[in-house]
């Protein structure tokens, strides 16, 4: 049985990025994430990290943003700790900006890998559950993407995949991702900015702070506000019947 190399090579090229991401994900857990991606590790090494940023200057921005993109692309847990770290090292505004850029770049890598390598396979597996979302995304891709990004109840990696399977345009995906993650990123960046004061007062850092009502309600309110045009359109359509 002969193998058609002209057909085989393009297929291999499509799945290579997925294998790389999967290998990185597995290697991360083998490497031992708790040693590096934990609040305890951040607390123990905060002075060392602060000194390095002071010495590296603007180069540290590139390293931090690039590493954040790396973590996001490999879909490993640690985004909250990374964002807190960014707020601690660079302040809430610069740290938040670097986190948004890094997360958006990493999410786009996952989006492209899913769209061009495993979209058909995943769509076949998800079946009807994905079909229910397809109509909404086709009609209002930016609105639905912003809603999913704003509400912190859905896994970040899952929201990276769904738009890729539903043929959301890449420009809308990038814009919706960057804008949609700003509120949550800012909350964690502000928490990181106050890290020194919290530790000096003997208080614990709480990454689950985003689920407290004082933060969750405004963020969910933004999500509902984003959906208002869609809800209004559906209401008008049902009233006309």
C-alpha atoms as a PDB file:
ATOM      1  CA  UNK A   1       0.000   0.000   0.000  1.00  0.00           C
ATOM      2  CA  UNK A   2       1.611   3.250  -1.111  1.00  0.00           C
ATOM      3  CA  UNK A   3       1.301   6.461   0.829  1.00  0.00           C
ATOM      4  CA  UNK A   4       0.563   9.681  -1.020  1.00  0.00           C
ATOM      5  CA  UNK A   5       3.154  12.025   0.449  1.00  0.00           C
ATOM      6  CA  UNK A   6       1.594  15.111  -1.094  1.00  0.00           C
ATOM      7  CA  UNK A   7      -1.579  14.463   0.903  1.00  0.00           C
ATOM      8  CA  UNK A   8       0.101  13.124   4.043  1.00  0.00           C
ATOM      9  CA  UNK A   9       2.501  16.022   4.655  1.00  0.00           C
ATOM     10  CA  UNK A  10      -0.202  18.755   4.787  1.00  0.00           C
ATOM     11  CA  UNK A  11      -2.219  16.609   7.208  1.00  0.00           C
ATOM     12  CA  UNK A  12       0.807  16.156   9.457  1.00  0.00           C
ATOM     13  CA  UNK A  13       1.563  19.875   9.345  1.00  0.00           C
ATOM     14  CA  UNK A  14      -1.973  20.601  10.534  1.00  0.00           C
ATOM     15  CA  UNK A  15      -1.783  18.364  13.601  1.00  0.00           C
ATOM     16  CA  UNK A  16       1.781  19.208  14.662  1.00  0.00           C
ATOM     17  CA  UNK A  17       0.725  22.396  16.516  1.00  0.00           C
ATOM     18  CA  UNK A  18      -1.882  20.398  18.441  1.00  0.00           C
ATOM     19  CA  UNK A  19       0.686  17.791  19.440  1.00  0.00           C
ATOM     20  CA  UNK A  20       3.031  20.545  20.593  1.00  0.00           C
ATOM     21  CA  UNK A  21       0.319  22.144  22.751  1.00  0.00           C
ATOM     22  CA  UNK A  22      -0.704  18.767  24.162  1.00  0.00           C
ATOM     23  CA  UNK A  23       2.931  17.882  24.928  1.00  0.00           C
ATOM     24  CA  UNK A  24       3.458  21.212  26.663  1.00  0.00           C
ATOM     25  CA  UNK A  25       0.316  20.701  28.737  1.00  0.00           C
ATOM     26  CA  UNK A  26       1.463  17.235  29.843  1.00  0.00           C
ATOM     27  CA  UNK A  27       5.036  18.371  30.468  1.00  0.00           C
ATOM     28  CA  UNK A  28       3.799  21.180  32.679  1.00  0.00           C
ATOM     29  CA  UNK A  29       2.167  18.769  35.124  1.00  0.00           C
ATOM     30  CA  UNK A  30       5.136  16.410  35.003  1.00  0.00           C
ATOM     31  CA  UNK A  31       7.384  19.387  35.763  1.00  0.00           C
ATOM     32  CA  UNK A  32       5.457  20.180  38.941  1.00  0.00           C
ATOM     33  CA  UNK A  33       3.298  23.289  38.650  1.00  0.00           C
ATOM     34  CA  UNK A  34       2.778  23.742  42.380  1.00  0.00           C
ATOM     35  CA  UNK A  35       6.398  24.748  42.794  1.00  0.00           C
ATOM     36  CA  UNK A  36       6.112  27.722  40.454  1.00  0.00           C
ATOM     37  CA  UNK A  37       2.443  28.527  39.746  1.00  0.00           C
ATOM     38  CA  UNK A  38       1.122  29.032  43.238  1.00  0.00           C
ATOM     39  CA  UNK A  39       0.531  31.929  45.559  1.00  0.00           C
ATOM     40  CA  UNK A  40       2.983  30.371  47.991  1.00  0.00           C
ATOM     41  CA  UNK A  41       5.742  30.450  45.367  1.00  0.00           C
ATOM     42  CA  UNK A  42       4.863  34.059  44.521  1.00  0.00           C
ATOM     43  CA  UNK A  43       4.982  35.044  48.201  1.00  0.00           C
ATOM     44  CA  UNK A  44       8.316  33.303  48.799  1.00  0.00           C
ATOM     45  CA  UNK A  45       9.983  34.844  45.745  1.00  0.00           C
ATOM     46  CA  UNK A  46       8.420  38.323  45.676  1.00  0.00           C
ATOM     47  CA  UNK A  47      11.626  40.126  46.660  1.00  0.00           C
ATOM     48  CA  UNK A  48      13.672  38.245  44.079  1.00  0.00           C
ATOM     49  CA  UNK A  49      11.118  38.991  41.347  1.00  0.00           C
ATOM     50  CA  UNK A  50      10.894  42.670  42.291  1.00  0.00           C
ATOM     51  CA  UNK A  51      14.682  43.032  42.145  1.00  0.00           C
ATOM     52  CA  UNK A  52      14.797  41.356  38.743  1.00  0.00           C
ATOM     53  CA  UNK A  53      12.142  43.701  37.318  1.00  0.00           C
ATOM     54  CA  UNK A  54      14.030  46.709  38.664  1.00  0.00           C
ATOM     55  CA  UNK A  55      17.197  45.529  36.916  1.00  0.00           C
ATOM     56  CA  UNK A  56      15.643  44.307  33.658  1.00  0.00           C
ATOM     57  CA  UNK A  57      13.422  47.348  33.079  1.00  0.00           C
ATOM     58  CA  UNK A  58      11.272  47.256  29.952  1.00  0.00           C
ATOM     59  CA  UNK A  59      12.743  43.870  28.985  1.00  0.00           C
ATOM     60  CA  UNK A  60      10.829  42.377  31.912  1.00  0.00           C
ATOM     61  CA  UNK A  61       7.584  43.525  30.246  1.00  0.00           C
ATOM     62  CA  UNK A  62       8.391  41.393  27.205  1.00  0.00           C
ATOM     63  CA  UNK A  63       9.370  38.393  29.329  1.00  0.00           C
ATOM     64  CA  UNK A  64       6.252  38.576  31.441  1.00  0.00           C
ATOM     65  CA  UNK A  65       3.900  39.078  28.474  1.00  0.00           C
ATOM     66  CA  UNK A  66       5.585  36.294  26.524  1.00  0.00           C
ATOM     67  CA  UNK A  67       5.438  33.881  29.433  1.00  0.00           C
ATOM     68  CA  UNK A  68       1.773  34.713  30.015  1.00  0.00           C
ATOM     69  CA  UNK A  69       1.076  33.939  26.350  1.00  0.00           C
ATOM     70  CA  UNK A  70       2.993  30.664  26.752  1.00  0.00           C
ATOM     71  CA  UNK A  71       0.942  29.628  29.799  1.00  0.00           C
ATOM     72  CA  UNK A  72      -2.328  30.507  28.049  1.00  0.00           C
ATOM     73  CA  UNK A  73      -1.410  28.748  24.809  1.00  0.00           C
ATOM     74  CA  UNK A  74      -0.669  25.506  26.634  1.00  0.00           C
ATOM     75  CA  UNK A  75      -3.948  25.841  28.582  1.00  0.00           C
ATOM     76  CA  UNK A  76      -2.257  25.185  31.903  1.00  0.00           C
ATOM     77  CA  UNK A  77      -3.786  26.503  35.134  1.00  0.00           C
ATOM     78  CA  UNK A  78      -2.143  29.565  36.591  1.00  0.00           C
ATOM     79  CA  UNK A  79      -3.745  32.517  34.819  1.00  0.00           C
ATOM     80  CA  UNK A  80      -5.048  34.034  38.060  1.00  0.00           C
ATOM     81  CA  UNK A  81      -1.651  33.730  39.775  1.00  0.00           C
ATOM     82  CA  UNK A  82       0.079  35.181  36.716  1.00  0.00           C
ATOM     83  CA  UNK A  83      -2.278  38.170  36.685  1.00  0.00           C
ATOM     84  CA  UNK A  84      -1.766  38.767  40.409  1.00  0.00           C
ATOM     85  CA  UNK A  85       1.978  38.598  39.766  1.00  0.00           C
ATOM     86  CA  UNK A  86       1.658  41.169  36.979  1.00  0.00           C
ATOM     87  CA  UNK A  87      -0.181  43.571  39.265  1.00  0.00           C
ATOM     88  CA  UNK A  88       2.447  43.092  41.959  1.00  0.00           C
ATOM     89  CA  UNK A  89       5.433  43.588  39.662  1.00  0.00           C
ATOM     90  CA  UNK A  90       4.165  46.323  37.348  1.00  0.00           C
ATOM     91  CA  UNK A  91       1.162  47.878  39.051  1.00  0.00           C
ATOM     92  CA  UNK A  92      -2.490  47.405  38.108  1.00  0.00           C
ATOM     93  CA  UNK A  93      -2.487  49.344  34.836  1.00  0.00           C
ATOM     94  CA  UNK A  94       0.748  48.212  33.193  1.00  0.00           C
ATOM     95  CA  UNK A  95       0.465  44.750  34.728  1.00  0.00           C
ATOM     96  CA  UNK A  96      -3.145  44.456  33.611  1.00  0.00           C
ATOM     97  CA  UNK A  97      -2.273  45.589  30.088  1.00  0.00           C
ATOM     98  CA  UNK A  98       0.560  43.076  29.798  1.00  0.00           C
ATOM     99  CA  UNK A  99      -1.725  40.324  31.100  1.00  0.00           C
ATOM    100  CA  UNK A 100      -4.452  41.166  28.590  1.00  0.00           C
ATOM    101  CA  UNK A 101      -1.971  41.190  25.708  1.00  0.00           C
ATOM    102  CA  UNK A 102      -0.323  37.935  26.801  1.00  0.00           C
ATOM    103  CA  UNK A 103      -3.634  36.159  27.380  1.00  0.00           C
ATOM    104  CA  UNK A 104      -5.008  37.345  24.035  1.00  0.00           C
ATOM    105  CA  UNK A 105      -1.932  36.170  22.134  1.00  0.00           C
ATOM    106  CA  UNK A 106      -1.970  32.774  23.844  1.00  0.00           C
ATOM    107  CA  UNK A 107      -5.720  32.359  23.320  1.00  0.00           C
ATOM    108  CA  UNK A 108      -5.305  33.193  19.637  1.00  0.00           C
ATOM    109  CA  UNK A 109      -2.701  30.448  19.282  1.00  0.00           C
ATOM    110  CA  UNK A 110      -5.195  27.925  20.701  1.00  0.00           C
ATOM    111  CA  UNK A 111      -7.944  29.325  18.463  1.00  0.00           C
ATOM    112  CA  UNK A 112      -5.864  28.892  15.313  1.00  0.00           C
ATOM    113  CA  UNK A 113      -4.657  25.415  16.287  1.00  0.00           C
ATOM    114  CA  UNK A 114      -8.228  24.282  16.947  1.00  0.00           C
ATOM    115  CA  UNK A 115      -9.634  25.831  13.784  1.00  0.00           C
ATOM    116  CA  UNK A 116      -7.103  24.401  11.349  1.00  0.00           C
ATOM    117  CA  UNK A 117      -6.229  21.099  12.982  1.00  0.00           C
ATOM    118  CA  UNK A 118      -9.021  19.527  15.027  1.00  0.00           C
ATOM    119  CA  UNK A 119     -12.175  21.517  14.230  1.00  0.00           C
ATOM    120  CA  UNK A 120     -13.885  18.704  12.309  1.00  0.00           C
ATOM    121  CA  UNK A 121     -13.029  16.119  14.974  1.00  0.00           C
ATOM    122  CA  UNK A 122     -14.284  18.256  17.864  1.00  0.00           C
ATOM    123  CA  UNK A 123     -17.454  19.284  16.040  1.00  0.00           C
ATOM    124  CA  UNK A 124     -18.270  15.636  15.446  1.00  0.00           C
ATOM    125  CA  UNK A 125     -17.747  14.840  19.134  1.00  0.00           C
ATOM    126  CA  UNK A 126     -19.776  17.772  20.452  1.00  0.00           C
ATOM    127  CA  UNK A 127     -22.586  17.301  17.965  1.00  0.00           C
ATOM    128  CA  UNK A 128     -25.948  18.805  18.881  1.00  0.00           C
ATOM    129  CA  UNK A 129     -24.670  20.759  21.887  1.00  0.00           C
ATOM    130  CA  UNK A 130     -22.473  22.796  19.576  1.00  0.00           C
ATOM    131  CA  UNK A 131     -25.211  23.173  16.991  1.00  0.00           C
ATOM    132  CA  UNK A 132     -27.422  24.922  19.570  1.00  0.00           C
ATOM    133  CA  UNK A 133     -24.806  27.665  19.943  1.00  0.00           C
ATOM    134  CA  UNK A 134     -24.017  27.980  16.253  1.00  0.00           C
ATOM    135  CA  UNK A 135     -27.002  30.110  15.290  1.00  0.00           C
ATOM    136  CA  UNK A 136     -26.337  32.683  17.993  1.00  0.00           C
ATOM    137  CA  UNK A 137     -22.667  32.952  17.150  1.00  0.00           C
ATOM    138  CA  UNK A 138     -23.396  33.265  13.457  1.00  0.00           C
ATOM    139  CA  UNK A 139     -25.815  36.133  14.060  1.00  0.00           C
ATOM    140  CA  UNK A 140     -23.945  37.983  16.823  1.00  0.00           C
ATOM    141  CA  UNK A 141     -20.411  36.592  17.181  1.00  0.00           C
ATOM    142  CA  UNK A 142     -18.949  39.563  19.057  1.00  0.00           C
ATOM    143  CA  UNK A 143     -21.863  39.824  21.482  1.00  0.00           C
ATOM    144  CA  UNK A 144     -21.775  36.152  22.434  1.00  0.00           C
ATOM    145  CA  UNK A 145     -17.997  36.098  22.702  1.00  0.00           C
ATOM    146  CA  UNK A 146     -17.962  39.156  24.972  1.00  0.00           C
ATOM    147  CA  UNK A 147     -20.613  37.575  27.170  1.00  0.00           C
ATOM    148  CA  UNK A 148     -18.630  34.342  27.550  1.00  0.00           C
ATOM    149  CA  UNK A 149     -15.434  36.252  28.304  1.00  0.00           C
ATOM    150  CA  UNK A 150     -17.045  38.574  30.827  1.00  0.00           C
ATOM    151  CA  UNK A 151     -18.823  35.964  32.923  1.00  0.00           C
ATOM    152  CA  UNK A 152     -16.129  34.142  34.966  1.00  0.00           C
ATOM    153  CA  UNK A 153     -18.094  30.896  35.140  1.00  0.00           C
ATOM    154  CA  UNK A 154     -16.745  29.236  31.991  1.00  0.00           C
ATOM    155  CA  UNK A 155     -13.231  27.737  31.658  1.00  0.00           C
ATOM    156  CA  UNK A 156     -10.939  30.031  29.688  1.00  0.00           C
ATOM    157  CA  UNK A 157      -9.629  27.172  27.527  1.00  0.00           C
ATOM    158  CA  UNK A 158     -13.162  26.159  26.565  1.00  0.00           C
ATOM    159  CA  UNK A 159     -13.996  29.661  25.347  1.00  0.00           C
ATOM    160  CA  UNK A 160     -10.815  29.544  23.252  1.00  0.00           C
ATOM    161  CA  UNK A 161     -12.120  26.470  21.430  1.00  0.00           C
ATOM    162  CA  UNK A 162     -15.818  27.152  20.856  1.00  0.00           C
ATOM    163  CA  UNK A 163     -15.435  30.229  18.596  1.00  0.00           C
ATOM    164  CA  UNK A 164     -12.859  28.333  16.527  1.00  0.00           C
ATOM    165  CA  UNK A 165     -15.383  25.572  15.868  1.00  0.00           C
ATOM    166  CA  UNK A 166     -18.151  28.051  15.023  1.00  0.00           C
ATOM    167  CA  UNK A 167     -16.142  29.943  12.410  1.00  0.00           C
ATOM    168  CA  UNK A 168     -15.930  33.232  14.315  1.00  0.00           C
ATOM    169  CA  UNK A 169     -13.728  35.641  12.281  1.00  0.00           C
ATOM    170  CA  UNK A 170     -10.233  35.977  13.711  1.00  0.00           C
ATOM    171  CA  UNK A 171     -10.483  39.784  14.019  1.00  0.00           C
ATOM    172  CA  UNK A 172     -13.683  39.534  16.063  1.00  0.00           C
ATOM    173  CA  UNK A 173     -12.145  36.794  18.197  1.00  0.00           C
ATOM    174  CA  UNK A 174      -9.053  38.842  19.032  1.00  0.00           C
ATOM    175  CA  UNK A 175     -11.034  42.014  19.750  1.00  0.00           C
ATOM    176  CA  UNK A 176     -13.709  40.217  21.801  1.00  0.00           C
ATOM    177  CA  UNK A 177     -11.110  38.322  23.815  1.00  0.00           C
ATOM    178  CA  UNK A 178      -9.033  41.402  24.623  1.00  0.00           C
ATOM    179  CA  UNK A 179     -12.040  43.515  25.651  1.00  0.00           C
ATOM    180  CA  UNK A 180     -13.895  40.725  27.424  1.00  0.00           C
ATOM    181  CA  UNK A 181     -11.097  39.772  29.819  1.00  0.00           C
ATOM    182  CA  UNK A 182     -10.333  43.337  30.951  1.00  0.00           C
ATOM    183  CA  UNK A 183     -12.700  43.452  33.993  1.00  0.00           C
ATOM    184  CA  UNK A 184     -11.502  40.169  35.507  1.00  0.00           C
ATOM    185  CA  UNK A 185      -7.880  40.992  34.732  1.00  0.00           C
ATOM    186  CA  UNK A 186      -8.170  44.364  36.427  1.00  0.00           C
ATOM    187  CA  UNK A 187      -9.583  42.798  39.602  1.00  0.00           C
ATOM    188  CA  UNK A 188      -6.687  40.362  39.889  1.00  0.00           C
ATOM    189  CA  UNK A 189      -4.151  43.057  38.971  1.00  0.00           C
ATOM    190  CA  UNK A 190      -5.477  45.314  41.730  1.00  0.00           C
ATOM    191  CA  UNK A 191      -5.206  42.389  44.130  1.00  0.00           C
ATOM    192  CA  UNK A 192      -1.594  41.894  43.065  1.00  0.00           C
ATOM    193  CA  UNK A 193      -0.870  45.594  43.452  1.00  0.00           C
ATOM    194  CA  UNK A 194      -1.918  45.342  47.103  1.00  0.00           C
ATOM    195  CA  UNK A 195      -0.009  42.114  47.671  1.00  0.00           C
ATOM    196  CA  UNK A 196       2.749  43.740  49.723  1.00  0.00           C
ATOM    197  CA  UNK A 197       0.283  45.440  52.046  1.00  0.00           C
ATOM    198  CA  UNK A 198      -1.733  42.240  52.469  1.00  0.00           C
ATOM    199  CA  UNK A 199       1.327  40.208  53.402  1.00  0.00           C
ATOM    200  CA  UNK A 200       2.607  42.920  55.742  1.00  0.00           C
ATOM    201  CA  UNK A 201      -0.759  42.845  57.525  1.00  0.00           C
ATOM    202  CA  UNK A 202      -0.581  39.062  57.811  1.00  0.00           C
ATOM    203  CA  UNK A 203      -3.573  38.495  55.527  1.00  0.00           C
ATOM    204  CA  UNK A 204      -4.001  35.711  52.983  1.00  0.00           C
ATOM    205  CA  UNK A 205      -4.313  36.266  49.232  1.00  0.00           C
ATOM    206  CA  UNK A 206      -7.646  35.103  47.875  1.00  0.00           C
ATOM    207  CA  UNK A 207      -7.774  34.330  44.123  1.00  0.00           C
ATOM    208  CA  UNK A 208     -11.450  33.503  44.537  1.00  0.00           C
ATOM    209  CA  UNK A 209     -12.114  37.173  45.186  1.00  0.00           C
ATOM    210  CA  UNK A 210     -13.612  37.513  41.710  1.00  0.00           C
ATOM    211  CA  UNK A 211     -16.518  35.326  42.853  1.00  0.00           C
ATOM    212  CA  UNK A 212     -17.368  37.652  45.735  1.00  0.00           C
ATOM    213  CA  UNK A 213     -20.640  39.481  45.106  1.00  0.00           C
ATOM    214  CA  UNK A 214     -19.035  42.936  45.153  1.00  0.00           C
ATOM    215  CA  UNK A 215     -17.019  41.945  42.077  1.00  0.00           C
ATOM    216  CA  UNK A 216     -19.190  39.240  40.528  1.00  0.00           C
ATOM    217  CA  UNK A 217     -22.362  41.319  40.330  1.00  0.00           C
ATOM    218  CA  UNK A 218     -20.841  44.222  38.339  1.00  0.00           C
ATOM    219  CA  UNK A 219     -19.075  41.813  35.970  1.00  0.00           C
ATOM    220  CA  UNK A 220     -22.259  39.794  35.435  1.00  0.00           C
ATOM    221  CA  UNK A 221     -24.091  43.077  34.940  1.00  0.00           C
ATOM    222  CA  UNK A 222     -21.698  43.919  32.125  1.00  0.00           C
ATOM    223  CA  UNK A 223     -22.369  40.504  30.613  1.00  0.00           C
ATOM    224  CA  UNK A 224     -26.130  41.074  30.667  1.00  0.00           C
ATOM    225  CA  UNK A 225     -25.652  44.576  29.248  1.00  0.00           C
ATOM    226  CA  UNK A 226     -23.684  43.125  26.353  1.00  0.00           C
ATOM    227  CA  UNK A 227     -26.554  40.733  25.613  1.00  0.00           C
ATOM    228  CA  UNK A 228     -29.225  43.444  25.673  1.00  0.00           C
ATOM    229  CA  UNK A 229     -29.199  44.081  21.877  1.00  0.00           C
ATOM    230  CA  UNK A 230     -29.719  40.369  21.227  1.00  0.00           C
ATOM    231  CA  UNK A 231     -32.472  40.089  23.842  1.00  0.00           C
ATOM    232  CA  UNK A 232     -34.188  43.176  22.458  1.00  0.00           C
ATOM    233  CA  UNK A 233     -34.049  41.802  18.908  1.00  0.00           C
ATOM    234  CA  UNK A 234     -35.558  38.488  20.021  1.00  0.00           C
ATOM    235  CA  UNK A 235     -38.253  40.310  22.024  1.00  0.00           C
ATOM    236  CA  UNK A 236     -39.238  42.406  19.041  1.00  0.00           C
ATOM    237  CA  UNK A 237     -39.281  39.325  16.827  1.00  0.00           C
ATOM    238  CA  UNK A 238     -41.573  37.426  19.204  1.00  0.00           C
ATOM    239  CA  UNK A 239     -43.862  40.458  19.643  1.00  0.00           C
ATOM    240  CA  UNK A 240     -44.295  40.757  15.875  1.00  0.00           C
ATOM    241  CA  UNK A 241     -45.682  37.223  15.639  1.00  0.00           C
END
